[in-house]
Amino acid sequence: MFLDKVTLIVFSLFCLLMFTGCNKTGVNHSCYDESLVHNDACTTGCPGFEGCDGNTYCNQCEAAREGIGPK
């Protein structure tokens, strides 16, 4: 009986983390554009790029990989 309660608690915590762990903190969700997300390689040049979420990314390609467009 004790093991069943522990299993239920662990399972509940796992589910809670699964449903809340995917949200990025501090992301302006009205700025996020899923169509920008890609897995292509980006150049290593890092002139600095300010995304529409107010964060600075290495370049526009890096921001787009996160679904963030220009400001």
PDB file of N, CA and C in Angstrom:
ATOM      1  N   MET A   1       0.826  -1.188   0.000  1.00  0.00           N
ATOM      2  CA  MET A   1       0.000   0.000   0.000  1.00  0.00           C
ATOM      3  C   MET A   1       0.870   1.251   0.000  1.00  0.00           C
ATOM      4  N   PHE A   2       1.948   1.244   0.800  1.00  0.00           N
ATOM      5  CA  PHE A   2       2.848   2.397   0.851  1.00  0.00           C
ATOM      6  C   PHE A   2       3.480   2.641  -0.515  1.00  0.00           C
ATOM      7  N   LEU A   3       3.885   1.565  -1.186  1.00  0.00           N
ATOM      8  CA  LEU A   3       4.512   1.682  -2.498  1.00  0.00           C
ATOM      9  C   LEU A   3       3.545   2.280  -3.514  1.00  0.00           C
ATOM     10  N   ASP A   4       2.280   1.934  -3.421  1.00  0.00           N
ATOM     11  CA  ASP A   4       1.274   2.484  -4.324  1.00  0.00           C
ATOM     12  C   ASP A   4       1.151   4.000  -4.143  1.00  0.00           C
ATOM     13  N   LYS A   5       1.217   4.471  -2.910  1.00  0.00           N
ATOM     14  CA  LYS A   5       1.126   5.906  -2.653  1.00  0.00           C
ATOM     15  C   LYS A   5       2.358   6.629  -3.178  1.00  0.00           C
ATOM     16  N   VAL A   6       3.517   6.045  -2.976  1.00  0.00           N
ATOM     17  CA  VAL A   6       4.758   6.647  -3.472  1.00  0.00           C
ATOM     18  C   VAL A   6       4.736   6.683  -4.995  1.00  0.00           C
ATOM     19  N   THR A   7       4.311   5.603  -5.604  1.00  0.00           N
ATOM     20  CA  THR A   7       4.216   5.544  -7.064  1.00  0.00           C
ATOM     21  C   THR A   7       3.260   6.609  -7.580  1.00  0.00           C
ATOM     22  N   LEU A   8       2.134   6.787  -6.929  1.00  0.00           N
ATOM     23  CA  LEU A   8       1.157   7.795  -7.329  1.00  0.00           C
ATOM     24  C   LEU A   8       1.748   9.198  -7.200  1.00  0.00           C
ATOM     25  N   ILE A   9       2.476   9.465  -6.140  1.00  0.00           N
ATOM     26  CA  ILE A   9       3.092  10.785  -5.949  1.00  0.00           C
ATOM     27  C   ILE A   9       4.145  11.041  -7.019  1.00  0.00           C
ATOM     28  N   VAL A  10       4.996  10.060  -7.276  1.00  0.00           N
ATOM     29  CA  VAL A  10       6.042  10.213  -8.289  1.00  0.00           C
ATOM     30  C   VAL A  10       5.411  10.422  -9.664  1.00  0.00           C
ATOM     31  N   PHE A  11       4.403   9.653  -9.986  1.00  0.00           N
ATOM     32  CA  PHE A  11       3.723   9.791 -11.271  1.00  0.00           C
ATOM     33  C   PHE A  11       3.078  11.165 -11.399  1.00  0.00           C
ATOM     34  N   SER A  12       2.460  11.649 -10.338  1.00  0.00           N
ATOM     35  CA  SER A  12       1.825  12.970 -10.352  1.00  0.00           C
ATOM     36  C   SER A  12       2.853  14.073 -10.583  1.00  0.00           C
ATOM     37  N   LEU A  13       3.995  13.971  -9.921  1.00  0.00           N
ATOM     38  CA  LEU A  13       5.056  14.965 -10.112  1.00  0.00           C
ATOM     39  C   LEU A  13       5.601  14.914 -11.538  1.00  0.00           C
ATOM     40  N   PHE A  14       5.764  13.720 -12.068  1.00  0.00           N
ATOM     41  CA  PHE A  14       6.223  13.563 -13.440  1.00  0.00           C
ATOM     42  C   PHE A  14       5.260  14.239 -14.406  1.00  0.00           C
ATOM     43  N   CYS A  15       3.962  13.994 -14.235  1.00  0.00           N
ATOM     44  CA  CYS A  15       2.960  14.611 -15.110  1.00  0.00           C
ATOM     45  C   CYS A  15       2.971  16.131 -14.981  1.00  0.00           C
ATOM     46  N   LEU A  16       3.103  16.621 -13.777  1.00  0.00           N
ATOM     47  CA  LEU A  16       3.152  18.059 -13.554  1.00  0.00           C
ATOM     48  C   LEU A  16       4.337  18.676 -14.286  1.00  0.00           C
ATOM     49  N   LEU A  17       5.492  18.041 -14.201  1.00  0.00           N
ATOM     50  CA  LEU A  17       6.676  18.545 -14.886  1.00  0.00           C
ATOM     51  C   LEU A  17       6.533  18.472 -16.401  1.00  0.00           C
ATOM     52  N   MET A  18       5.913  17.440 -16.895  1.00  0.00           N
ATOM     53  CA  MET A  18       5.738  17.287 -18.339  1.00  0.00           C
ATOM     54  C   MET A  18       4.859  18.387 -18.912  1.00  0.00           C
ATOM     55  N   PHE A  19       3.817  18.776 -18.180  1.00  0.00           N
ATOM     56  CA  PHE A  19       2.888  19.761 -18.707  1.00  0.00           C
ATOM     57  C   PHE A  19       3.310  21.196 -18.437  1.00  0.00           C
ATOM     58  N   THR A  20       4.201  21.423 -17.486  1.00  0.00           N
ATOM     59  CA  THR A  20       4.635  22.783 -17.195  1.00  0.00           C
ATOM     60  C   THR A  20       6.073  23.033 -17.606  1.00  0.00           C
ATOM     61  N   GLY A  21       6.848  21.995 -17.839  1.00  0.00           N
ATOM     62  CA  GLY A  21       8.263  22.148 -18.143  1.00  0.00           C
ATOM     63  C   GLY A  21       8.564  22.649 -19.537  1.00  0.00           C
ATOM     64  N   CYS A  22       7.610  22.633 -20.432  1.00  0.00           N
ATOM     65  CA  CYS A  22       7.866  23.054 -21.799  1.00  0.00           C
ATOM     66  C   CYS A  22       7.711  24.547 -22.000  1.00  0.00           C
ATOM     67  N   ASN A  23       7.159  25.238 -21.042  1.00  0.00           N
ATOM     68  CA  ASN A  23       6.994  26.677 -21.172  1.00  0.00           C
ATOM     69  C   ASN A  23       8.315  27.365 -20.888  1.00  0.00           C
ATOM     70  N   LYS A  24       8.733  28.233 -21.785  1.00  0.00           N
ATOM     71  CA  LYS A  24       9.953  28.999 -21.573  1.00  0.00           C
ATOM     72  C   LYS A  24       9.605  30.196 -20.707  1.00  0.00           C
ATOM     73  N   THR A  25      10.403  30.419 -19.700  1.00  0.00           N
ATOM     74  CA  THR A  25      10.155  31.560 -18.846  1.00  0.00           C
ATOM     75  C   THR A  25      10.720  32.804 -19.495  1.00  0.00           C
ATOM     76  N   GLY A  26      10.020  33.885 -19.371  1.00  0.00           N
ATOM     77  CA  GLY A  26      10.484  35.157 -19.894  1.00  0.00           C
ATOM     78  C   GLY A  26      10.305  35.318 -21.396  1.00  0.00           C
ATOM     79  N   VAL A  27       9.613  34.404 -22.047  1.00  0.00           N
ATOM     80  CA  VAL A  27       9.414  34.510 -23.483  1.00  0.00           C
ATOM     81  C   VAL A  27       8.120  35.269 -23.739  1.00  0.00           C
ATOM     82  N   ASN A  28       8.200  36.243 -24.629  1.00  0.00           N
ATOM     83  CA  ASN A  28       7.014  36.971 -25.058  1.00  0.00           C
ATOM     84  C   ASN A  28       6.301  36.082 -26.072  1.00  0.00           C
ATOM     85  N   HIS A  29       5.259  35.394 -25.646  1.00  0.00           N
ATOM     86  CA  HIS A  29       4.616  34.403 -26.495  1.00  0.00           C
ATOM     87  C   HIS A  29       3.903  35.028 -27.686  1.00  0.00           C
ATOM     88  N   SER A  30       3.567  36.319 -27.619  1.00  0.00           N
ATOM     89  CA  SER A  30       2.952  36.961 -28.771  1.00  0.00           C
ATOM     90  C   SER A  30       3.995  37.204 -29.856  1.00  0.00           C
ATOM     91  N   CYS A  31       5.255  37.095 -29.514  1.00  0.00           N
ATOM     92  CA  CYS A  31       6.367  37.306 -30.434  1.00  0.00           C
ATOM     93  C   CYS A  31       6.798  35.994 -31.076  1.00  0.00           C
ATOM     94  N   TYR A  32       6.566  34.873 -30.441  1.00  0.00           N
ATOM     95  CA  TYR A  32       7.006  33.559 -30.913  1.00  0.00           C
ATOM     96  C   TYR A  32       6.325  33.205 -32.229  1.00  0.00           C
ATOM     97  N   ASP A  33       7.094  32.734 -33.190  1.00  0.00           N
ATOM     98  CA  ASP A  33       6.568  32.337 -34.494  1.00  0.00           C
ATOM     99  C   ASP A  33       7.109  30.954 -34.831  1.00  0.00           C
ATOM    100  N   GLU A  34       6.265  29.957 -34.716  1.00  0.00           N
ATOM    101  CA  GLU A  34       6.696  28.574 -34.931  1.00  0.00           C
ATOM    102  C   GLU A  34       7.235  28.348 -36.336  1.00  0.00           C
ATOM    103  N   SER A  35       6.787  29.131 -37.307  1.00  0.00           N
ATOM    104  CA  SER A  35       7.263  28.946 -38.683  1.00  0.00           C
ATOM    105  C   SER A  35       8.741  29.306 -38.845  1.00  0.00           C
ATOM    106  N   LEU A  36       9.315  30.045 -37.888  1.00  0.00           N
ATOM    107  CA  LEU A  36      10.721  30.409 -37.948  1.00  0.00           C
ATOM    108  C   LEU A  36      11.640  29.302 -37.447  1.00  0.00           C
ATOM    109  N   VAL A  37      11.120  28.402 -36.633  1.00  0.00           N
ATOM    110  CA  VAL A  37      11.931  27.369 -35.989  1.00  0.00           C
ATOM    111  C   VAL A  37      12.534  26.434 -37.039  1.00  0.00           C
ATOM    112  N   HIS A  38      13.845  26.203 -36.920  1.00  0.00           N
ATOM    113  CA  HIS A  38      14.536  25.308 -37.842  1.00  0.00           C
ATOM    114  C   HIS A  38      15.713  24.654 -37.126  1.00  0.00           C
ATOM    115  N   ASN A  39      16.251  23.619 -37.731  1.00  0.00           N
ATOM    116  CA  ASN A  39      17.409  22.915 -37.181  1.00  0.00           C
ATOM    117  C   ASN A  39      18.638  23.093 -38.055  1.00  0.00           C
ATOM    118  N   ASP A  40      18.565  24.004 -39.019  1.00  0.00           N
ATOM    119  CA  ASP A  40      19.698  24.241 -39.904  1.00  0.00           C
ATOM    120  C   ASP A  40      20.858  24.842 -39.126  1.00  0.00           C
ATOM    121  N   ALA A  41      22.052  24.639 -39.646  1.00  0.00           N
ATOM    122  CA  ALA A  41      23.243  25.221 -39.024  1.00  0.00           C
ATOM    123  C   ALA A  41      23.253  26.724 -39.257  1.00  0.00           C
ATOM    124  N   CYS A  42      23.676  27.460 -38.257  1.00  0.00           N
ATOM    125  CA  CYS A  42      23.801  28.907 -38.353  1.00  0.00           C
ATOM    126  C   CYS A  42      25.272  29.278 -38.442  1.00  0.00           C
ATOM    127  N   THR A  43      25.543  30.438 -38.998  1.00  0.00           N
ATOM    128  CA  THR A  43      26.928  30.903 -39.070  1.00  0.00           C
ATOM    129  C   THR A  43      27.429  31.223 -37.670  1.00  0.00           C
ATOM    130  N   THR A  44      28.737  31.286 -37.538  1.00  0.00           N
ATOM    131  CA  THR A  44      29.321  31.558 -36.228  1.00  0.00           C
ATOM    132  C   THR A  44      29.489  33.048 -35.972  1.00  0.00           C
ATOM    133  N   GLY A  45      29.218  33.883 -36.989  1.00  0.00           N
ATOM    134  CA  GLY A  45      29.313  35.329 -36.792  1.00  0.00           C
ATOM    135  C   GLY A  45      28.334  35.777 -35.715  1.00  0.00           C
ATOM    136  N   CYS A  46      28.797  36.670 -34.861  1.00  0.00           N
ATOM    137  CA  CYS A  46      27.961  37.062 -33.730  1.00  0.00           C
ATOM    138  C   CYS A  46      27.931  38.593 -33.577  1.00  0.00           C
ATOM    139  N   PRO A  47      27.282  39.253 -34.534  1.00  0.00           N
ATOM    140  CA  PRO A  47      27.220  40.702 -34.434  1.00  0.00           C
ATOM    141  C   PRO A  47      26.214  41.187 -33.388  1.00  0.00           C
ATOM    142  N   GLY A  48      25.342  40.312 -32.952  1.00  0.00           N
ATOM    143  CA  GLY A  48      24.298  40.685 -31.993  1.00  0.00           C
ATOM    144  C   GLY A  48      23.007  40.982 -32.723  1.00  0.00           C
ATOM    145  N   PHE A  49      21.936  40.435 -32.233  1.00  0.00           N
ATOM    146  CA  PHE A  49      20.622  40.596 -32.854  1.00  0.00           C
ATOM    147  C   PHE A  49      19.584  40.681 -31.751  1.00  0.00           C
ATOM    148  N   GLU A  50      18.798  41.765 -31.741  1.00  0.00           N
ATOM    149  CA  GLU A  50      17.761  41.907 -30.726  1.00  0.00           C
ATOM    150  C   GLU A  50      16.457  41.347 -31.273  1.00  0.00           C
ATOM    151  N   GLY A  51      15.952  40.334 -30.583  1.00  0.00           N
ATOM    152  CA  GLY A  51      14.710  39.703 -30.993  1.00  0.00           C
ATOM    153  C   GLY A  51      13.501  40.472 -30.508  1.00  0.00           C
ATOM    154  N   CYS A  52      12.347  40.126 -31.042  1.00  0.00           N
ATOM    155  CA  CYS A  52      11.103  40.796 -30.666  1.00  0.00           C
ATOM    156  C   CYS A  52      10.731  40.529 -29.209  1.00  0.00           C
ATOM    157  N   ASP A  53      11.405  39.573 -28.576  1.00  0.00           N
ATOM    158  CA  ASP A  53      11.150  39.275 -27.171  1.00  0.00           C
ATOM    159  C   ASP A  53      11.999  40.131 -26.240  1.00  0.00           C
ATOM    160  N   GLY A  54      12.858  40.998 -26.835  1.00  0.00           N
ATOM    161  CA  GLY A  54      13.692  41.877 -26.022  1.00  0.00           C
ATOM    162  C   GLY A  54      15.034  41.283 -25.646  1.00  0.00           C
ATOM    163  N   ASN A  55      15.270  40.022 -25.968  1.00  0.00           N
ATOM    164  CA  ASN A  55      16.549  39.373 -25.674  1.00  0.00           C
ATOM    165  C   ASN A  55      17.511  39.566 -26.836  1.00  0.00           C
ATOM    166  N   THR A  56      18.807  39.529 -26.546  1.00  0.00           N
ATOM    167  CA  THR A  56      19.822  39.643 -27.583  1.00  0.00           C
ATOM    168  C   THR A  56      20.354  38.253 -27.911  1.00  0.00           C
ATOM    169  N   TYR A  57      20.358  37.939 -29.199  1.00  0.00           N
ATOM    170  CA  TYR A  57      20.839  36.657 -29.702  1.00  0.00           C
ATOM    171  C   TYR A  57      22.121  36.907 -30.488  1.00  0.00           C
ATOM    172  N   CYS A  58      22.887  35.874 -30.710  1.00  0.00           N
ATOM    173  CA  CYS A  58      24.142  35.997 -31.446  1.00  0.00           C
ATOM    174  C   CYS A  58      23.876  36.567 -32.844  1.00  0.00           C
ATOM    175  N   ASN A  59      22.894  36.012 -33.533  1.00  0.00           N
ATOM    176  CA  ASN A  59      22.523  36.514 -34.857  1.00  0.00           C
ATOM    177  C   ASN A  59      21.069  36.137 -35.138  1.00  0.00           C
ATOM    178  N   GLN A  60      20.543  36.601 -36.259  1.00  0.00           N
ATOM    179  CA  GLN A  60      19.136  36.371 -36.577  1.00  0.00           C
ATOM    180  C   GLN A  60      18.837  34.884 -36.758  1.00  0.00           C
ATOM    181  N   CYS A  61      19.778  34.133 -37.281  1.00  0.00           N
ATOM    182  CA  CYS A  61      19.593  32.695 -37.462  1.00  0.00           C
ATOM    183  C   CYS A  61      19.394  31.995 -36.119  1.00  0.00           C
ATOM    184  N   GLU A  62      20.225  32.352 -35.134  1.00  0.00           N
ATOM    185  CA  GLU A  62      20.102  31.762 -33.793  1.00  0.00           C
ATOM    186  C   GLU A  62      18.744  32.100 -33.166  1.00  0.00           C
ATOM    187  N   ALA A  63      18.287  33.324 -33.349  1.00  0.00           N
ATOM    188  CA  ALA A  63      16.983  33.723 -32.813  1.00  0.00           C
ATOM    189  C   ALA A  63      15.872  32.932 -33.488  1.00  0.00           C
ATOM    190  N   ALA A  64      15.971  32.785 -34.801  1.00  0.00           N
ATOM    191  CA  ALA A  64      14.944  32.058 -35.551  1.00  0.00           C
ATOM    192  C   ALA A  64      14.867  30.599 -35.111  1.00  0.00           C
ATOM    193  N   ARG A  65      15.999  30.013 -34.732  1.00  0.00           N
ATOM    194  CA  ARG A  65      15.984  28.628 -34.256  1.00  0.00           C
ATOM    195  C   ARG A  65      15.094  28.484 -33.025  1.00  0.00           C
ATOM    196  N   GLU A  66      14.946  29.581 -32.269  1.00  0.00           N
ATOM    197  CA  GLU A  66      14.093  29.605 -31.078  1.00  0.00           C
ATOM    198  C   GLU A  66      12.685  30.108 -31.386  1.00  0.00           C
ATOM    199  N   GLY A  67      12.425  30.442 -32.659  1.00  0.00           N
ATOM    200  CA  GLY A  67      11.106  30.933 -33.055  1.00  0.00           C
ATOM    201  C   GLY A  67      10.925  32.420 -32.802  1.00  0.00           C
ATOM    202  N   ILE A  68      12.025  33.155 -32.713  1.00  0.00           N
ATOM    203  CA  ILE A  68      11.971  34.590 -32.410  1.00  0.00           C
ATOM    204  C   ILE A  68      12.367  35.379 -33.648  1.00  0.00           C
ATOM    205  N   GLY A  69      11.528  36.330 -34.024  1.00  0.00           N
ATOM    206  CA  GLY A  69      11.789  37.177 -35.178  1.00  0.00           C
ATOM    207  C   GLY A  69      12.407  38.509 -34.752  1.00  0.00           C
ATOM    208  N   PRO A  70      12.581  39.424 -35.714  1.00  0.00           N
ATOM    209  CA  PRO A  70      13.177  40.722 -35.406  1.00  0.00           C
ATOM    210  C   PRO A  70      12.246  41.594 -34.578  1.00  0.00           C
ATOM    211  N   LYS A  71      12.848  42.558 -33.934  1.00  0.00           N
ATOM    212  CA  LYS A  71      12.100  43.492 -33.079  1.00  0.00           C
ATOM    213  C   LYS A  71      11.203  44.361 -33.893  1.00  0.00           C
TER     214      LYS A  71
END
